[in-house]
Amino acid sequence: MKILVLKSIFILTFFMSAVNKKNSNLELETLITTYEGYNDIGYSFTYYDELLEDEVEFIFEKISKELLKKYDLNDDKYVGKKFEITVEYVYDDKEEIDVPILKSIKKEEI
């Protein structure tokens, strides 16, 4: 009986872990960032993470056409400018990592 209960708990824990990974795309984060420009990999934004006490870089391989219409990030005039961005993390089963997706962008007025 003990073994059956332990197996049930293990299976339930494994199942809940898998469900949580599938639903991890519900996590949103809004940050104030600096746009660093476009390179071979994608669109680069940085921000200072106080917890890590270091600068963190987001590189978005793709950005929706809708957001690029709002701000043409291929234009160098935005390099060095501050933006408020909202990022959604979507779990990639193949790579087994959370991939950041740019959901919104707004230029910060100073």
Foldseek 3Di string as FASTA:
>chain_A
DVVVVVVVVVVVVVVVVVVCQQPQQVDKDKDKWFWAAADPQATKTWDQDPVVRGIDIAGDNDADPVQCVVPVRNDCVRHGFIKIWMWGWHADPVVRGTHTYTDHIDTDDD
